[in-house]
Amino acid sequence: MRVKIGHKVRLLGQIDSVNPHLVSVGDYAVLGAHSALLTHCPIKGAQPVSVGAYSYIAYGALILPDVSVGECCVIGGCRRDPFSARCNCRCR
């Protein structure tokens, strides 16, 4: 079972390794560094995740199960370094 990935997609983040067959990414989409697409949920079970064509998932963004990001969307994230204990941005 494989991830469905479109043409010229840039993957710098992580894709769920538990259920990769539930992830689809459209053409020319960008998944920023330290971001993640998750498909597993301990309560609802496995749910699909999709990112539309020409969409941008920013650094540190987390896309949860059963979420569909439309075409030409920008999803913001946090500048926080995941290996740092402190967050320097005002995202809280």
N, C-alpha and C. Protein backbone atom coordinates (compact mmCIF):
# COMPACT_ATOMS: atom_id res chain seq x y z
N MET A 1 0.84 -1.18 0.00
CA MET A 1 0.00 0.00 0.00
C MET A 1 0.88 1.23 0.00
N ARG A 2 0.53 2.19 -0.84
CA ARG A 2 1.38 3.35 -1.03
C ARG A 2 0.63 4.67 -0.85
N VAL A 3 1.42 5.71 -0.63
CA VAL A 3 0.91 7.07 -0.59
C VAL A 3 0.60 7.50 -2.02
N LYS A 4 -0.50 8.23 -2.22
CA LYS A 4 -0.83 8.76 -3.55
C LYS A 4 -0.23 10.16 -3.65
N ILE A 5 0.80 10.31 -4.49
CA ILE A 5 1.50 11.58 -4.62
C ILE A 5 1.45 12.04 -6.06
N GLY A 6 1.09 13.31 -6.27
CA GLY A 6 0.99 13.90 -7.60
C GLY A 6 2.36 14.24 -8.18
N HIS A 7 2.33 14.97 -9.29
CA HIS A 7 3.55 15.36 -9.99
C HIS A 7 4.23 16.55 -9.32
N LYS A 8 5.55 16.52 -9.28
CA LYS A 8 6.38 17.62 -8.78
C LYS A 8 5.99 18.08 -7.39
N VAL A 9 5.78 17.13 -6.50
CA VAL A 9 5.45 17.41 -5.09
C VAL A 9 6.76 17.51 -4.32
N ARG A 10 6.81 18.45 -3.39
CA ARG A 10 8.00 18.62 -2.57
C ARG A 10 7.67 18.17 -1.14
N LEU A 11 8.27 17.07 -0.71
CA LEU A 11 8.01 16.52 0.63
C LEU A 11 9.22 16.73 1.53
N LEU A 12 9.10 17.67 2.46
CA LEU A 12 10.16 17.91 3.43
C LEU A 12 9.73 17.48 4.82
N GLY A 13 8.44 17.23 5.00
CA GLY A 13 7.90 16.80 6.29
C GLY A 13 7.72 15.29 6.34
N GLN A 14 6.87 14.85 7.26
CA GLN A 14 6.66 13.43 7.47
C GLN A 14 5.25 13.02 7.08
N ILE A 15 5.15 11.80 6.58
CA ILE A 15 3.85 11.22 6.24
C ILE A 15 3.66 10.01 7.14
N ASP A 16 2.47 9.84 7.66
CA ASP A 16 2.13 8.75 8.56
C ASP A 16 2.61 7.41 7.99
N SER A 17 3.41 6.70 8.76
CA SER A 17 3.93 5.40 8.31
C SER A 17 3.02 4.24 8.72
N VAL A 18 2.03 4.51 9.57
CA VAL A 18 1.12 3.46 10.02
C VAL A 18 0.12 3.12 8.92
N ASN A 19 -0.46 4.14 8.30
CA ASN A 19 -1.46 3.95 7.23
C ASN A 19 -1.14 4.85 6.04
N PRO A 20 -0.03 4.65 5.37
CA PRO A 20 0.33 5.55 4.28
C PRO A 20 -0.64 5.52 3.11
N HIS A 21 -1.37 4.43 2.95
CA HIS A 21 -2.32 4.31 1.84
C HIS A 21 -3.52 5.26 1.98
N LEU A 22 -3.68 5.89 3.15
CA LEU A 22 -4.78 6.83 3.37
C LEU A 22 -4.38 8.28 3.11
N VAL A 23 -3.15 8.50 2.65
CA VAL A 23 -2.65 9.85 2.38
C VAL A 23 -2.62 10.09 0.87
N SER A 24 -3.15 11.25 0.45
CA SER A 24 -3.03 11.65 -0.95
C SER A 24 -2.60 13.11 -1.00
N VAL A 25 -1.65 13.38 -1.90
CA VAL A 25 -1.09 14.72 -2.06
C VAL A 25 -1.19 15.10 -3.54
N GLY A 26 -1.80 16.25 -3.83
CA GLY A 26 -2.01 16.69 -5.20
C GLY A 26 -0.76 17.23 -5.87
N ASP A 27 -0.85 17.49 -7.16
CA ASP A 27 0.26 18.01 -7.96
C ASP A 27 0.79 19.32 -7.41
N TYR A 28 2.11 19.48 -7.45
CA TYR A 28 2.82 20.71 -7.09
C TYR A 28 2.59 21.17 -5.65
N ALA A 29 2.16 20.29 -4.79
CA ALA A 29 1.98 20.64 -3.37
C ALA A 29 3.34 20.62 -2.66
N VAL A 30 3.42 21.36 -1.56
CA VAL A 30 4.65 21.41 -0.76
C VAL A 30 4.30 21.08 0.68
N LEU A 31 5.03 20.14 1.26
CA LEU A 31 4.90 19.78 2.67
C LEU A 31 6.18 20.23 3.34
N GLY A 32 6.11 21.32 4.13
CA GLY A 32 7.29 21.93 4.73
C GLY A 32 7.99 21.06 5.75
N ALA A 33 9.20 21.47 6.08
CA ALA A 33 10.02 20.75 7.05
C ALA A 33 9.34 20.70 8.42
N HIS A 34 9.54 19.62 9.12
CA HIS A 34 8.99 19.38 10.46
C HIS A 34 7.46 19.41 10.51
N SER A 35 6.81 19.29 9.38
CA SER A 35 5.35 19.19 9.35
C SER A 35 4.99 17.70 9.22
N ALA A 36 3.72 17.37 9.44
CA ALA A 36 3.32 15.97 9.40
C ALA A 36 1.87 15.81 8.96
N LEU A 37 1.62 14.73 8.25
CA LEU A 37 0.26 14.31 7.88
C LEU A 37 -0.02 13.03 8.64
N LEU A 38 -1.00 13.05 9.55
CA LEU A 38 -1.32 11.88 10.36
C LEU A 38 -2.65 11.27 9.94
N THR A 39 -2.71 9.95 9.88
CA THR A 39 -3.95 9.27 9.51
C THR A 39 -4.50 8.39 10.62
N HIS A 40 -3.75 8.20 11.69
CA HIS A 40 -4.24 7.32 12.74
C HIS A 40 -4.70 8.12 13.96
N CYS A 41 -5.81 7.65 14.52
CA CYS A 41 -6.39 8.29 15.70
C CYS A 41 -6.76 7.17 16.68
N PRO A 42 -6.35 7.27 17.94
CA PRO A 42 -6.66 6.21 18.89
C PRO A 42 -8.16 6.07 19.19
N ILE A 43 -8.94 7.12 18.93
CA ILE A 43 -10.37 7.08 19.24
C ILE A 43 -11.21 6.66 18.03
N LYS A 44 -11.00 7.33 16.89
CA LYS A 44 -11.80 7.07 15.70
C LYS A 44 -11.19 6.05 14.75
N GLY A 45 -9.97 5.64 15.00
CA GLY A 45 -9.29 4.70 14.10
C GLY A 45 -8.64 5.43 12.94
N ALA A 46 -8.32 4.70 11.89
CA ALA A 46 -7.64 5.28 10.73
C ALA A 46 -8.61 6.11 9.89
N GLN A 47 -8.20 7.32 9.53
CA GLN A 47 -9.00 8.23 8.73
C GLN A 47 -8.12 8.81 7.62
N PRO A 48 -8.66 9.08 6.43
CA PRO A 48 -7.84 9.61 5.34
C PRO A 48 -7.46 11.07 5.53
N VAL A 49 -6.37 11.46 4.88
CA VAL A 49 -5.90 12.84 4.85
C VAL A 49 -5.55 13.17 3.41
N SER A 50 -5.96 14.34 2.93
CA SER A 50 -5.61 14.73 1.56
C SER A 50 -5.18 16.18 1.52
N VAL A 51 -4.22 16.44 0.64
CA VAL A 51 -3.73 17.79 0.40
C VAL A 51 -3.93 18.06 -1.08
N GLY A 52 -4.65 19.13 -1.40
CA GLY A 52 -4.98 19.45 -2.78
C GLY A 52 -3.79 19.97 -3.58
N ALA A 53 -3.98 20.03 -4.88
CA ALA A 53 -2.94 20.53 -5.79
C ALA A 53 -2.59 21.98 -5.47
N TYR A 54 -1.34 22.33 -5.63
CA TYR A 54 -0.82 23.68 -5.44
C TYR A 54 -0.97 24.20 -4.01
N SER A 55 -1.11 23.32 -3.04
CA SER A 55 -1.24 23.74 -1.64
C SER A 55 0.12 23.73 -0.96
N TYR A 56 0.23 24.53 0.10
CA TYR A 56 1.47 24.65 0.84
C TYR A 56 1.19 24.40 2.32
N ILE A 57 1.86 23.41 2.87
CA ILE A 57 1.77 23.10 4.30
C ILE A 57 3.06 23.62 4.93
N ALA A 58 2.96 24.63 5.79
CA ALA A 58 4.13 25.33 6.31
C ALA A 58 4.92 24.51 7.34
N TYR A 59 6.09 25.04 7.64
CA TYR A 59 7.00 24.46 8.63
C TYR A 59 6.26 24.19 9.93
N GLY A 60 6.34 22.98 10.43
CA GLY A 60 5.79 22.63 11.73
C GLY A 60 4.29 22.40 11.78
N ALA A 61 3.59 22.50 10.66
CA ALA A 61 2.13 22.29 10.67
C ALA A 61 1.80 20.81 10.86
N LEU A 62 0.70 20.55 11.52
CA LEU A 62 0.25 19.19 11.77
C LEU A 62 -1.15 19.03 11.19
N ILE A 63 -1.30 18.13 10.22
CA ILE A 63 -2.59 17.86 9.61
C ILE A 63 -3.11 16.56 10.22
N LEU A 64 -4.23 16.65 10.89
CA LEU A 64 -4.77 15.51 11.64
C LEU A 64 -5.67 14.63 10.77
N PRO A 65 -6.03 13.44 11.28
CA PRO A 65 -6.87 12.51 10.52
C PRO A 65 -8.22 13.11 10.12
N ASP A 66 -8.72 12.67 8.97
CA ASP A 66 -10.01 13.07 8.43
C ASP A 66 -10.06 14.55 8.03
N VAL A 67 -8.91 15.09 7.59
CA VAL A 67 -8.83 16.47 7.13
C VAL A 67 -8.51 16.48 5.65
N SER A 68 -9.21 17.34 4.92
CA SER A 68 -8.93 17.55 3.50
C SER A 68 -8.54 19.01 3.30
N VAL A 69 -7.33 19.23 2.83
CA VAL A 69 -6.86 20.57 2.51
C VAL A 69 -7.18 20.77 1.03
N GLY A 70 -7.91 21.83 0.71
CA GLY A 70 -8.33 22.07 -0.68
C GLY A 70 -7.19 22.47 -1.60
N GLU A 71 -7.54 22.76 -2.85
CA GLU A 71 -6.54 23.21 -3.82
C GLU A 71 -6.14 24.65 -3.54
N CYS A 72 -4.88 24.97 -3.81
CA CYS A 72 -4.33 26.33 -3.67
C CYS A 72 -4.47 26.89 -2.26
N CYS A 73 -4.34 26.06 -1.25
CA CYS A 73 -4.45 26.50 0.15
C CYS A 73 -3.08 26.67 0.78
N VAL A 74 -3.01 27.54 1.77
CA VAL A 74 -1.80 27.72 2.57
C VAL A 74 -2.17 27.43 4.01
N ILE A 75 -1.49 26.47 4.61
CA ILE A 75 -1.72 26.11 6.01
C ILE A 75 -0.49 26.54 6.80
N GLY A 76 -0.68 27.44 7.76
CA GLY A 76 0.43 27.95 8.55
C GLY A 76 0.85 26.99 9.64
N GLY A 77 2.05 27.16 10.08
CA GLY A 77 2.59 26.33 11.15
C GLY A 77 3.28 27.20 12.18
N CYS A 78 4.04 26.60 13.02
CA CYS A 78 4.76 27.29 14.09
C CYS A 78 6.25 27.27 13.76
N ARG A 79 6.94 28.35 14.07
CA ARG A 79 8.38 28.38 13.84
C ARG A 79 9.14 27.56 14.86
N ARG A 80 8.48 27.04 15.82
CA ARG A 80 9.11 26.32 16.93
C ARG A 80 9.95 25.15 16.44
N ASP A 81 11.14 25.07 16.96
CA ASP A 81 12.02 23.95 16.68
C ASP A 81 11.53 22.77 17.51
N PRO A 82 11.16 21.64 16.87
CA PRO A 82 10.61 20.52 17.64
C PRO A 82 11.60 19.90 18.61
N PHE A 83 12.89 20.23 18.48
CA PHE A 83 13.89 19.68 19.38
C PHE A 83 14.22 20.64 20.52
N SER A 84 13.55 21.80 20.53
CA SER A 84 13.77 22.80 21.56
C SER A 84 12.63 22.75 22.56
N ALA A 85 12.93 23.03 23.81
CA ALA A 85 11.89 22.99 24.84
C ALA A 85 11.10 24.31 24.88
N ARG A 86 11.63 25.35 24.25
CA ARG A 86 11.00 26.66 24.30
C ARG A 86 10.53 27.12 22.93
N CYS A 87 9.40 27.75 22.88
CA CYS A 87 8.87 28.29 21.63
C CYS A 87 9.04 29.80 21.65
N ASN A 88 9.73 30.33 20.65
CA ASN A 88 10.00 31.78 20.60
C ASN A 88 8.91 32.55 19.86
N CYS A 89 7.95 31.89 19.27
CA CYS A 89 6.92 32.62 18.55
C CYS A 89 5.70 32.82 19.45
N ARG A 90 4.73 33.60 18.97
CA ARG A 90 3.54 33.91 19.76
C ARG A 90 2.35 33.11 19.28
N CYS A 91 2.54 31.81 19.08
CA CYS A 91 1.48 30.99 18.53
C CYS A 91 0.56 30.42 19.59
N ARG A 92 0.82 30.67 20.84
CA ARG A 92 0.01 30.09 21.92
C ARG A 92 -1.12 30.97 22.32
